[in-house]
Amino acid sequence: MENGHIPEDVRPDPTADLHWSSFAGAIQDIFAKNAAAHPERLCVVETASSTRNFTYRHIQEASNVLAHKLLKDGVQRGDVVMIYAYRGVDLVVAVMGVLLAGAAFSVLDPAYPDDRQIIYLDVARPRALVVIDKASREEGGLSPKVRTWIKENLDLRTEVPGLELLDDGSLRGGSLEHDEVDVLEKQQSLKAEHPEVVVGPDSQPTLSFTSGSEGIPKGCRGRHFSLTYYQSWMASQFNLSSDDKFTMLSGIAHDPIQRDIFTPLFLGAQVRIFEAQTSYFEAKSESRNMS
């Protein structure tokens, strides 16, 4: 820029095609197609253990089970489902299960203070709660303060209290108080059935939050069109393919986690997840040959 003049070649073309009619489909449907085409291809690897290697079939079937549970209990298309999260394969299953039910996912990071978690819940007004079992075991679970707020202020249709993907690829949901039966037991027989929930380009799969630096964090709803359009752009811009491996390094409640999860699933590629305690620089060092 010279003397306030903006060169013409950097100005956007107002007549350029914005590709509004180029909806690639919902990410969960694209993932399902990849799983059908390559069911035994590795999808998610937790690097800390040699037994935590999961194929596209494992992730698809586990996600189906969760989706059918949410649908049976009354979660509607467009409802928000809050995930009390932990870095790992369980987060991938939780996210995909919510999307397969036609709902929008949002994430609570156990590291956040109670007051921030309550703000997220108040803004999101979720109709369901999915608690990842490892988040409860490693981080102590939702605090009594947050639990009390949920009980007094939210009208949850359902809760999955202890989501865990076992080494053999089967999914456990945990049991509620005064009930020893696993909450996902009745949906296990539906693991091969893709939920028939139709979403469109303007349907909203994500609810992310701003930092709150100007006050209360603000919720931002994302669209299915934008989500898969971004994946197509990423693949083209950086020459990505199903042969690439990706890492999950972003904060679990920060919106770049969507890129970490959805890019490999969109491509039919692999995501590798390091231990939550692994430092960013250690993970970067281990992932030098990954995308």
C-alpha atoms as a PDB file:
ATOM      1  CA  MET A   1       0.000   0.000   0.000  1.00  0.00           C
ATOM      2  CA  GLU A   2       1.404   3.420  -1.023  1.00  0.00           C
ATOM      3  CA  ASN A   3      -0.151   6.723   0.048  1.00  0.00           C
ATOM      4  CA  GLY A   4      -3.300   4.909   1.116  1.00  0.00           C
ATOM      5  CA  HIS A   5      -3.775   3.330  -2.327  1.00  0.00           C
ATOM      6  CA  ILE A   6      -4.783  -0.348  -2.378  1.00  0.00           C
ATOM      7  CA  PRO A   7      -3.461  -2.169  -5.468  1.00  0.00           C
ATOM      8  CA  GLU A   8      -6.274  -3.488  -7.642  1.00  0.00           C
ATOM      9  CA  ASP A   9      -4.930  -7.048  -7.729  1.00  0.00           C
ATOM     10  CA  VAL A  10      -5.625  -7.641  -4.017  1.00  0.00           C
ATOM     11  CA  ARG A  11      -9.199  -6.413  -4.120  1.00  0.00           C
ATOM     12  CA  PRO A  12     -11.890  -9.112  -4.103  1.00  0.00           C
ATOM     13  CA  ASP A  13     -13.793  -9.541  -7.331  1.00  0.00           C
ATOM     14  CA  PRO A  14     -17.441  -8.668  -6.568  1.00  0.00           C
ATOM     15  CA  THR A  15     -18.560 -10.873  -9.470  1.00  0.00           C
ATOM     16  CA  ALA A  16     -16.602 -13.946  -8.345  1.00  0.00           C
ATOM     17  CA  ASP A  17     -18.516 -17.184  -7.852  1.00  0.00           C
ATOM     18  CA  LEU A  18     -18.883 -17.838  -4.111  1.00  0.00           C
ATOM     19  CA  HIS A  19     -19.890 -21.462  -4.793  1.00  0.00           C
ATOM     20  CA  TRP A  20     -23.074 -21.267  -2.730  1.00  0.00           C
ATOM     21  CA  SER A  21     -24.488 -24.186  -4.720  1.00  0.00           C
ATOM     22  CA  SER A  22     -21.416 -26.371  -4.167  1.00  0.00           C
ATOM     23  CA  PHE A  23     -22.529 -28.162  -1.004  1.00  0.00           C
ATOM     24  CA  ALA A  24     -20.383 -31.279  -0.696  1.00  0.00           C
ATOM     25  CA  GLY A  25     -22.743 -32.822   1.843  1.00  0.00           C
ATOM     26  CA  ALA A  26     -22.694 -33.033   5.622  1.00  0.00           C
ATOM     27  CA  ILE A  27     -19.418 -34.143   7.190  1.00  0.00           C
ATOM     28  CA  GLN A  28     -21.106 -37.098   8.929  1.00  0.00           C
ATOM     29  CA  ASP A  29     -22.453 -38.383   5.606  1.00  0.00           C
ATOM     30  CA  ILE A  30     -19.094 -37.987   3.885  1.00  0.00           C
ATOM     31  CA  PHE A  31     -17.480 -39.846   6.779  1.00  0.00           C
ATOM     32  CA  ALA A  32     -20.076 -42.627   6.491  1.00  0.00           C
ATOM     33  CA  LYS A  33     -19.257 -43.020   2.792  1.00  0.00           C
ATOM     34  CA  ASN A  34     -15.555 -43.277   3.600  1.00  0.00           C
ATOM     35  CA  ALA A  35     -16.311 -45.864   6.280  1.00  0.00           C
ATOM     36  CA  ALA A  36     -18.398 -47.900   3.832  1.00  0.00           C
ATOM     37  CA  ALA A  37     -15.679 -47.756   1.184  1.00  0.00           C
ATOM     38  CA  HIS A  38     -12.747 -48.550   3.502  1.00  0.00           C
ATOM     39  CA  PRO A  39     -14.114 -50.067   6.740  1.00  0.00           C
ATOM     40  CA  GLU A  40     -10.815 -51.593   7.876  1.00  0.00           C
ATOM     41  CA  ARG A  41      -8.664 -48.524   7.190  1.00  0.00           C
ATOM     42  CA  LEU A  42      -7.171 -47.004  10.340  1.00  0.00           C
ATOM     43  CA  CYS A  43      -9.121 -43.937  11.378  1.00  0.00           C
ATOM     44  CA  VAL A  44      -7.988 -42.944  14.882  1.00  0.00           C
ATOM     45  CA  VAL A  45      -4.814 -43.959  16.704  1.00  0.00           C
ATOM     46  CA  GLU A  46      -4.076 -43.091  20.322  1.00  0.00           C
ATOM     47  CA  THR A  47      -0.293 -43.191  20.272  1.00  0.00           C
ATOM     48  CA  ALA A  48       0.204 -43.928  23.988  1.00  0.00           C
ATOM     49  CA  SER A  49      -0.948 -47.544  23.598  1.00  0.00           C
ATOM     50  CA  SER A  50      -0.492 -50.249  20.986  1.00  0.00           C
ATOM     51  CA  THR A  51      -4.068 -51.433  21.633  1.00  0.00           C
ATOM     52  CA  ARG A  52      -5.785 -48.122  20.852  1.00  0.00           C
ATOM     53  CA  ASN A  53      -5.998 -48.376  17.068  1.00  0.00           C
ATOM     54  CA  PHE A  54      -9.480 -47.911  15.618  1.00  0.00           C
ATOM     55  CA  THR A  55     -10.723 -48.455  12.080  1.00  0.00           C
ATOM     56  CA  TYR A  56     -13.334 -46.486  10.181  1.00  0.00           C
ATOM     57  CA  ARG A  57     -15.798 -49.280  10.942  1.00  0.00           C
ATOM     58  CA  HIS A  58     -15.107 -48.981  14.682  1.00  0.00           C
ATOM     59  CA  ILE A  59     -15.690 -45.231  14.698  1.00  0.00           C
ATOM     60  CA  GLN A  60     -18.750 -45.431  12.450  1.00  0.00           C
ATOM     61  CA  GLU A  61     -20.448 -48.152  14.485  1.00  0.00           C
ATOM     62  CA  ALA A  62     -19.717 -46.486  17.821  1.00  0.00           C
ATOM     63  CA  SER A  63     -20.991 -43.148  16.501  1.00  0.00           C
ATOM     64  CA  ASN A  64     -24.158 -44.832  15.230  1.00  0.00           C
ATOM     65  CA  VAL A  65     -24.838 -46.283  18.679  1.00  0.00           C
ATOM     66  CA  LEU A  66     -24.562 -42.876  20.338  1.00  0.00           C
ATOM     67  CA  ALA A  67     -26.668 -41.207  17.649  1.00  0.00           C
ATOM     68  CA  HIS A  68     -29.479 -43.741  18.042  1.00  0.00           C
ATOM     69  CA  LYS A  69     -29.447 -43.176  21.814  1.00  0.00           C
ATOM     70  CA  LEU A  70     -29.789 -39.407  21.383  1.00  0.00           C
ATOM     71  CA  LEU A  71     -32.577 -39.805  18.836  1.00  0.00           C
ATOM     72  CA  LYS A  72     -34.501 -42.316  20.949  1.00  0.00           C
ATOM     73  CA  ASP A  73     -34.414 -39.961  23.917  1.00  0.00           C
ATOM     74  CA  GLY A  74     -35.833 -37.066  21.945  1.00  0.00           C
ATOM     75  CA  VAL A  75     -32.891 -35.027  20.705  1.00  0.00           C
ATOM     76  CA  GLN A  76     -34.123 -33.065  17.696  1.00  0.00           C
ATOM     77  CA  ARG A  77     -32.368 -31.815  14.588  1.00  0.00           C
ATOM     78  CA  GLY A  78     -30.624 -28.567  15.505  1.00  0.00           C
ATOM     79  CA  ASP A  79     -30.588 -29.178  19.272  1.00  0.00           C
ATOM     80  CA  VAL A  80     -27.298 -28.575  21.056  1.00  0.00           C
ATOM     81  CA  VAL A  81     -25.562 -31.489  22.777  1.00  0.00           C
ATOM     82  CA  MET A  82     -22.838 -30.527  25.241  1.00  0.00           C
ATOM     83  CA  ILE A  83     -19.778 -32.783  25.472  1.00  0.00           C
ATOM     84  CA  TYR A  84     -17.747 -32.797  28.693  1.00  0.00           C
ATOM     85  CA  ALA A  85     -14.571 -33.673  26.886  1.00  0.00           C
ATOM     86  CA  TYR A  86     -11.151 -35.258  27.060  1.00  0.00           C
ATOM     87  CA  ARG A  87      -8.526 -35.455  24.330  1.00  0.00           C
ATOM     88  CA  GLY A  88      -8.876 -38.876  22.755  1.00  0.00           C
ATOM     89  CA  VAL A  89     -10.839 -41.129  20.441  1.00  0.00           C
ATOM     90  CA  ASP A  90     -13.909 -40.801  22.670  1.00  0.00           C
ATOM     91  CA  LEU A  91     -14.162 -37.138  21.654  1.00  0.00           C
ATOM     92  CA  VAL A  92     -14.216 -38.118  17.970  1.00  0.00           C
ATOM     93  CA  VAL A  93     -17.015 -40.624  18.637  1.00  0.00           C
ATOM     94  CA  ALA A  94     -18.977 -38.118  20.724  1.00  0.00           C
ATOM     95  CA  VAL A  95     -18.769 -35.440  18.033  1.00  0.00           C
ATOM     96  CA  MET A  96     -19.715 -37.775  15.196  1.00  0.00           C
ATOM     97  CA  GLY A  97     -22.544 -39.339  17.197  1.00  0.00           C
ATOM     98  CA  VAL A  98     -24.046 -35.913  17.851  1.00  0.00           C
ATOM     99  CA  LEU A  99     -23.786 -34.957  14.178  1.00  0.00           C
ATOM    100  CA  LEU A 100     -25.311 -38.242  13.018  1.00  0.00           C
ATOM    101  CA  ALA A 101     -28.318 -37.397  15.195  1.00  0.00           C
ATOM    102  CA  GLY A 102     -28.661 -34.121  13.284  1.00  0.00           C
ATOM    103  CA  ALA A 103     -27.734 -32.079  16.344  1.00  0.00           C
ATOM    104  CA  ALA A 104     -25.014 -29.509  17.019  1.00  0.00           C
ATOM    105  CA  PHE A 105     -22.120 -30.250  19.339  1.00  0.00           C
ATOM    106  CA  SER A 106     -20.428 -27.941  21.798  1.00  0.00           C
ATOM    107  CA  VAL A 107     -17.513 -28.756  24.074  1.00  0.00           C
ATOM    108  CA  LEU A 108     -16.809 -28.159  27.758  1.00  0.00           C
ATOM    109  CA  ASP A 109     -13.140 -28.324  28.715  1.00  0.00           C
ATOM    110  CA  PRO A 110     -12.723 -29.748  32.261  1.00  0.00           C
ATOM    111  CA  ALA A 111      -9.797 -27.339  32.700  1.00  0.00           C
ATOM    112  CA  TYR A 112     -12.158 -24.364  32.562  1.00  0.00           C
ATOM    113  CA  PRO A 113     -13.316 -22.827  35.865  1.00  0.00           C
ATOM    114  CA  ASP A 114     -16.828 -23.658  37.025  1.00  0.00           C
ATOM    115  CA  ASP A 115     -18.115 -20.178  36.237  1.00  0.00           C
ATOM    116  CA  ARG A 116     -16.931 -20.400  32.636  1.00  0.00           C
ATOM    117  CA  GLN A 117     -18.482 -23.841  32.226  1.00  0.00           C
ATOM    118  CA  ILE A 118     -21.780 -22.449  33.519  1.00  0.00           C
ATOM    119  CA  ILE A 119     -21.617 -19.561  31.036  1.00  0.00           C
ATOM    120  CA  TYR A 120     -21.162 -22.048  28.182  1.00  0.00           C
ATOM    121  CA  LEU A 121     -24.104 -24.113  29.403  1.00  0.00           C
ATOM    122  CA  ASP A 122     -26.269 -21.029  29.861  1.00  0.00           C
ATOM    123  CA  VAL A 123     -25.544 -19.762  26.349  1.00  0.00           C
ATOM    124  CA  ALA A 124     -25.810 -23.194  24.698  1.00  0.00           C
ATOM    125  CA  ARG A 125     -28.948 -24.393  26.491  1.00  0.00           C
ATOM    126  CA  PRO A 126     -28.158 -28.014  25.524  1.00  0.00           C
ATOM    127  CA  ARG A 127     -30.879 -30.638  25.409  1.00  0.00           C
ATOM    128  CA  ALA A 128     -28.441 -33.482  26.077  1.00  0.00           C
ATOM    129  CA  LEU A 129     -25.152 -34.031  27.883  1.00  0.00           C
ATOM    130  CA  VAL A 130     -22.421 -36.499  26.932  1.00  0.00           C
ATOM    131  CA  VAL A 131     -19.741 -36.992  29.576  1.00  0.00           C
ATOM    132  CA  ILE A 132     -16.561 -38.688  28.417  1.00  0.00           C
ATOM    133  CA  ASP A 133     -15.584 -41.239  31.046  1.00  0.00           C
ATOM    134  CA  LYS A 134     -11.901 -40.353  30.979  1.00  0.00           C
ATOM    135  CA  ALA A 135     -12.746 -36.699  31.657  1.00  0.00           C
ATOM    136  CA  SER A 136     -14.414 -37.796  34.883  1.00  0.00           C
ATOM    137  CA  ARG A 137     -11.625 -40.189  35.846  1.00  0.00           C
ATOM    138  CA  GLU A 138      -8.710 -37.884  35.010  1.00  0.00           C
ATOM    139  CA  GLU A 139     -10.207 -34.451  35.698  1.00  0.00           C
ATOM    140  CA  GLY A 140     -12.689 -35.189  38.468  1.00  0.00           C
ATOM    141  CA  GLY A 141     -15.906 -34.784  36.520  1.00  0.00           C
ATOM    142  CA  LEU A 142     -18.418 -31.966  36.617  1.00  0.00           C
ATOM    143  CA  SER A 143     -18.246 -30.156  39.943  1.00  0.00           C
ATOM    144  CA  PRO A 144     -21.189 -30.112  42.385  1.00  0.00           C
ATOM    145  CA  LYS A 145     -21.653 -26.418  41.560  1.00  0.00           C
ATOM    146  CA  VAL A 146     -22.000 -27.106  37.829  1.00  0.00           C
ATOM    147  CA  ARG A 147     -24.181 -30.173  38.442  1.00  0.00           C
ATOM    148  CA  THR A 148     -26.518 -28.138  40.626  1.00  0.00           C
ATOM    149  CA  TRP A 149     -26.756 -25.408  37.989  1.00  0.00           C
ATOM    150  CA  ILE A 150     -27.616 -27.981  35.313  1.00  0.00           C
ATOM    151  CA  LYS A 151     -30.314 -29.536  37.494  1.00  0.00           C
ATOM    152  CA  GLU A 152     -31.892 -26.168  38.314  1.00  0.00           C
ATOM    153  CA  ASN A 153     -31.614 -24.463  34.930  1.00  0.00           C
ATOM    154  CA  LEU A 154     -31.596 -26.978  32.071  1.00  0.00           C
ATOM    155  CA  ASP A 155     -34.224 -29.339  30.730  1.00  0.00           C
ATOM    156  CA  LEU A 156     -32.031 -32.179  29.522  1.00  0.00           C
ATOM    157  CA  ARG A 157     -33.729 -34.893  27.524  1.00  0.00           C
ATOM    158  CA  THR A 158     -30.914 -37.351  28.141  1.00  0.00           C
ATOM    159  CA  GLU A 159     -27.423 -37.848  29.521  1.00  0.00           C
ATOM    160  CA  VAL A 160     -24.680 -40.305  28.613  1.00  0.00           C
ATOM    161  CA  PRO A 161     -22.689 -40.290  31.877  1.00  0.00           C
ATOM    162  CA  GLY A 162     -19.537 -42.210  30.940  1.00  0.00           C
ATOM    163  CA  LEU A 163     -18.776 -42.512  27.224  1.00  0.00           C
ATOM    164  CA  GLU A 164     -15.854 -44.839  26.539  1.00  0.00           C
ATOM    165  CA  LEU A 165     -14.664 -46.631  23.409  1.00  0.00           C
ATOM    166  CA  LEU A 166     -13.128 -49.930  24.491  1.00  0.00           C
ATOM    167  CA  ASP A 167     -10.065 -51.476  22.853  1.00  0.00           C
ATOM    168  CA  ASP A 168     -12.221 -53.844  20.788  1.00  0.00           C
ATOM    169  CA  GLY A 169     -14.185 -50.931  19.312  1.00  0.00           C
ATOM    170  CA  SER A 170     -17.336 -51.441  21.371  1.00  0.00           C
ATOM    171  CA  LEU A 171     -18.907 -48.408  23.017  1.00  0.00           C
ATOM    172  CA  ARG A 172     -19.929 -48.061  26.627  1.00  0.00           C
ATOM    173  CA  GLY A 173     -22.094 -45.209  27.895  1.00  0.00           C
ATOM    174  CA  GLY A 174     -21.956 -45.692  31.645  1.00  0.00           C
ATOM    175  CA  SER A 175     -24.878 -45.985  34.027  1.00  0.00           C
ATOM    176  CA  LEU A 176     -26.953 -43.363  35.792  1.00  0.00           C
ATOM    177  CA  GLU A 177     -27.513 -43.221  39.548  1.00  0.00           C
ATOM    178  CA  HIS A 178     -29.520 -46.112  41.008  1.00  0.00           C
ATOM    179  CA  ASP A 179     -29.301 -48.028  37.710  1.00  0.00           C
ATOM    180  CA  GLU A 180     -26.583 -50.538  36.838  1.00  0.00           C
ATOM    181  CA  VAL A 181     -27.637 -50.944  33.193  1.00  0.00           C
ATOM    182  CA  ASP A 182     -25.425 -49.257  30.617  1.00  0.00           C
ATOM    183  CA  VAL A 183     -27.367 -46.425  28.988  1.00  0.00           C
ATOM    184  CA  LEU A 184     -26.305 -47.563  25.502  1.00  0.00           C
ATOM    185  CA  GLU A 185     -27.208 -51.228  25.959  1.00  0.00           C
ATOM    186  CA  LYS A 186     -30.422 -51.081  23.918  1.00  0.00           C
ATOM    187  CA  GLN A 187     -28.728 -49.309  20.998  1.00  0.00           C
ATOM    188  CA  GLN A 188     -25.902 -51.827  20.520  1.00  0.00           C
ATOM    189  CA  SER A 189     -27.992 -53.792  18.021  1.00  0.00           C
ATOM    190  CA  LEU A 190     -28.246 -50.660  15.836  1.00  0.00           C
ATOM    191  CA  LYS A 191     -24.515 -50.110  15.390  1.00  0.00           C
ATOM    192  CA  ALA A 192     -24.580 -50.961  11.675  1.00  0.00           C
ATOM    193  CA  GLU A 193     -27.603 -48.734  10.964  1.00  0.00           C
ATOM    194  CA  HIS A 194     -26.816 -45.241   9.694  1.00  0.00           C
ATOM    195  CA  PRO A 195     -29.344 -42.822  11.266  1.00  0.00           C
ATOM    196  CA  GLU A 196     -31.638 -41.426   8.598  1.00  0.00           C
ATOM    197  CA  VAL A 197     -31.465 -37.783   9.648  1.00  0.00           C
ATOM    198  CA  VAL A 198     -31.317 -35.330   6.756  1.00  0.00           C
ATOM    199  CA  VAL A 199     -29.507 -32.017   7.219  1.00  0.00           C
ATOM    200  CA  GLY A 200     -28.966 -29.258   4.693  1.00  0.00           C
ATOM    201  CA  PRO A 201     -26.274 -26.683   3.971  1.00  0.00           C
ATOM    202  CA  ASP A 202     -27.795 -24.194   6.414  1.00  0.00           C
ATOM    203  CA  SER A 203     -28.214 -26.717   9.228  1.00  0.00           C
ATOM    204  CA  GLN A 204     -25.907 -25.962  12.142  1.00  0.00           C
ATOM    205  CA  PRO A 205     -23.502 -28.651  13.373  1.00  0.00           C
ATOM    206  CA  THR A 206     -21.270 -26.620  15.696  1.00  0.00           C
ATOM    207  CA  LEU A 207     -21.494 -24.174  18.585  1.00  0.00           C
ATOM    208  CA  SER A 208     -18.160 -22.571  19.447  1.00  0.00           C
ATOM    209  CA  PHE A 209     -17.351 -19.739  21.814  1.00  0.00           C
ATOM    210  CA  THR A 210     -15.320 -16.551  21.701  1.00  0.00           C
ATOM    211  CA  SER A 211     -12.649 -15.971  24.337  1.00  0.00           C
ATOM    212  CA  GLY A 212     -14.830 -13.621  26.335  1.00  0.00           C
ATOM    213  CA  SER A 213     -12.122 -10.959  26.434  1.00  0.00           C
ATOM    214  CA  GLU A 214     -14.812  -8.279  26.101  1.00  0.00           C
ATOM    215  CA  GLY A 215     -17.062  -9.792  28.742  1.00  0.00           C
ATOM    216  CA  ILE A 216     -19.156 -12.945  28.565  1.00  0.00           C
ATOM    217  CA  PRO A 217     -18.083 -15.498  25.903  1.00  0.00           C
ATOM    218  CA  LYS A 218     -20.355 -15.376  22.882  1.00  0.00           C
ATOM    219  CA  GLY A 219     -21.673 -18.458  21.122  1.00  0.00           C
ATOM    220  CA  CYS A 220     -21.050 -18.844  17.377  1.00  0.00           C
ATOM    221  CA  ARG A 221     -23.116 -21.336  15.352  1.00  0.00           C
ATOM    222  CA  GLY A 222     -21.459 -22.889  12.303  1.00  0.00           C
ATOM    223  CA  ARG A 223     -23.135 -24.166   9.101  1.00  0.00           C
ATOM    224  CA  HIS A 224     -22.730 -27.526   7.397  1.00  0.00           C
ATOM    225  CA  PHE A 225     -21.999 -25.754   4.106  1.00  0.00           C
ATOM    226  CA  SER A 226     -19.065 -23.839   5.569  1.00  0.00           C
ATOM    227  CA  LEU A 227     -17.697 -26.881   7.357  1.00  0.00           C
ATOM    228  CA  THR A 228     -17.318 -29.133   4.333  1.00  0.00           C
ATOM    229  CA  TYR A 229     -16.480 -26.280   1.954  1.00  0.00           C
ATOM    230  CA  TYR A 230     -13.497 -25.547   4.199  1.00  0.00           C
ATOM    231  CA  GLN A 231     -12.384 -29.189   4.071  1.00  0.00           C
ATOM    232  CA  SER A 232     -12.532 -29.164   0.260  1.00  0.00           C
ATOM    233  CA  TRP A 233     -10.519 -25.946   0.196  1.00  0.00           C
ATOM    234  CA  MET A 234      -7.948 -27.377   2.632  1.00  0.00           C
ATOM    235  CA  ALA A 235      -7.484 -30.503   0.542  1.00  0.00           C
ATOM    236  CA  SER A 236      -7.020 -28.504  -2.655  1.00  0.00           C
ATOM    237  CA  GLN A 237      -4.865 -25.753  -1.157  1.00  0.00           C
ATOM    238  CA  PHE A 238      -2.420 -28.083   0.599  1.00  0.00           C
ATOM    239  CA  ASN A 239      -2.636 -31.135  -1.669  1.00  0.00           C
ATOM    240  CA  LEU A 240      -4.034 -33.366   1.080  1.00  0.00           C
ATOM    241  CA  SER A 241      -5.262 -36.916   0.545  1.00  0.00           C
ATOM    242  CA  SER A 242      -6.344 -40.095   2.297  1.00  0.00           C
ATOM    243  CA  ASP A 243      -2.675 -41.076   2.567  1.00  0.00           C
ATOM    244  CA  ASP A 244      -1.947 -38.251   5.003  1.00  0.00           C
ATOM    245  CA  LYS A 245      -1.888 -38.477   8.793  1.00  0.00           C
ATOM    246  CA  PHE A 246      -3.159 -35.683  11.009  1.00  0.00           C
ATOM    247  CA  THR A 247      -2.741 -34.788  14.667  1.00  0.00           C
ATOM    248  CA  MET A 248      -5.140 -33.468  17.290  1.00  0.00           C
ATOM    249  CA  LEU A 249      -3.186 -30.624  18.878  1.00  0.00           C
ATOM    250  CA  SER A 250      -5.768 -27.855  19.283  1.00  0.00           C
ATOM    251  CA  GLY A 251      -7.498 -27.013  22.535  1.00  0.00           C
ATOM    252  CA  ILE A 252     -10.442 -29.371  22.925  1.00  0.00           C
ATOM    253  CA  ALA A 253     -12.947 -26.530  23.383  1.00  0.00           C
ATOM    254  CA  HIS A 254     -11.326 -24.240  20.807  1.00  0.00           C
ATOM    255  CA  ASP A 255     -12.831 -24.217  17.309  1.00  0.00           C
ATOM    256  CA  PRO A 256      -9.600 -25.338  15.510  1.00  0.00           C
ATOM    257  CA  ILE A 257     -10.316 -28.774  16.999  1.00  0.00           C
ATOM    258  CA  GLN A 258     -12.910 -29.024  14.222  1.00  0.00           C
ATOM    259  CA  ARG A 259     -10.110 -28.868  11.651  1.00  0.00           C
ATOM    260  CA  ASP A 260      -8.110 -31.510  13.540  1.00  0.00           C
ATOM    261  CA  ILE A 261     -11.039 -33.945  13.586  1.00  0.00           C
ATOM    262  CA  PHE A 262     -12.957 -33.255  10.398  1.00  0.00           C
ATOM    263  CA  THR A 263     -10.135 -32.886   7.859  1.00  0.00           C
ATOM    264  CA  PRO A 264      -8.944 -36.515   8.164  1.00  0.00           C
ATOM    265  CA  LEU A 265     -12.500 -37.871   8.343  1.00  0.00           C
ATOM    266  CA  PHE A 266     -13.450 -35.880   5.241  1.00  0.00           C
ATOM    267  CA  LEU A 267     -10.474 -37.292   3.334  1.00  0.00           C
ATOM    268  CA  GLY A 268     -10.670 -40.855   4.615  1.00  0.00           C
ATOM    269  CA  ALA A 269      -7.314 -40.287   6.300  1.00  0.00           C
ATOM    270  CA  GLN A 270      -5.973 -40.990   9.798  1.00  0.00           C
ATOM    271  CA  VAL A 271      -5.882 -38.871  12.945  1.00  0.00           C
ATOM    272  CA  ARG A 272      -3.259 -39.589  15.583  1.00  0.00           C
ATOM    273  CA  ILE A 273      -3.893 -38.450  19.135  1.00  0.00           C
ATOM    274  CA  PHE A 274      -1.166 -37.932  21.703  1.00  0.00           C
ATOM    275  CA  GLU A 275      -1.649 -38.178  25.455  1.00  0.00           C
ATOM    276  CA  ALA A 276      -3.342 -35.164  27.002  1.00  0.00           C
ATOM    277  CA  GLN A 277      -0.255 -34.608  29.160  1.00  0.00           C
ATOM    278  CA  THR A 278       2.074 -34.513  26.148  1.00  0.00           C
ATOM    279  CA  SER A 279       3.355 -30.988  25.683  1.00  0.00           C
ATOM    280  CA  TYR A 280       2.635 -29.124  22.470  1.00  0.00           C
ATOM    281  CA  PHE A 281       6.320 -29.155  21.510  1.00  0.00           C
ATOM    282  CA  GLU A 282       6.714 -32.884  22.225  1.00  0.00           C
ATOM    283  CA  ALA A 283       3.674 -33.605  20.077  1.00  0.00           C
ATOM    284  CA  LYS A 284       4.979 -31.368  17.298  1.00  0.00           C
ATOM    285  CA  SER A 285       8.292 -33.215  17.417  1.00  0.00           C
ATOM    286  CA  GLU A 286       6.577 -36.614  17.172  1.00  0.00           C
ATOM    287  CA  SER A 287       4.341 -35.453  14.326  1.00  0.00           C
ATOM    288  CA  ARG A 288       6.934 -34.036  11.934  1.00  0.00           C
ATOM    289  CA  ASN A 289       5.889 -36.339   9.122  1.00  0.00           C
ATOM    290  CA  MET A 290       2.183 -35.648   9.563  1.00  0.00           C
ATOM    291  CA  SER A 291      -0.063 -33.056   7.973  1.00  0.00           C
END
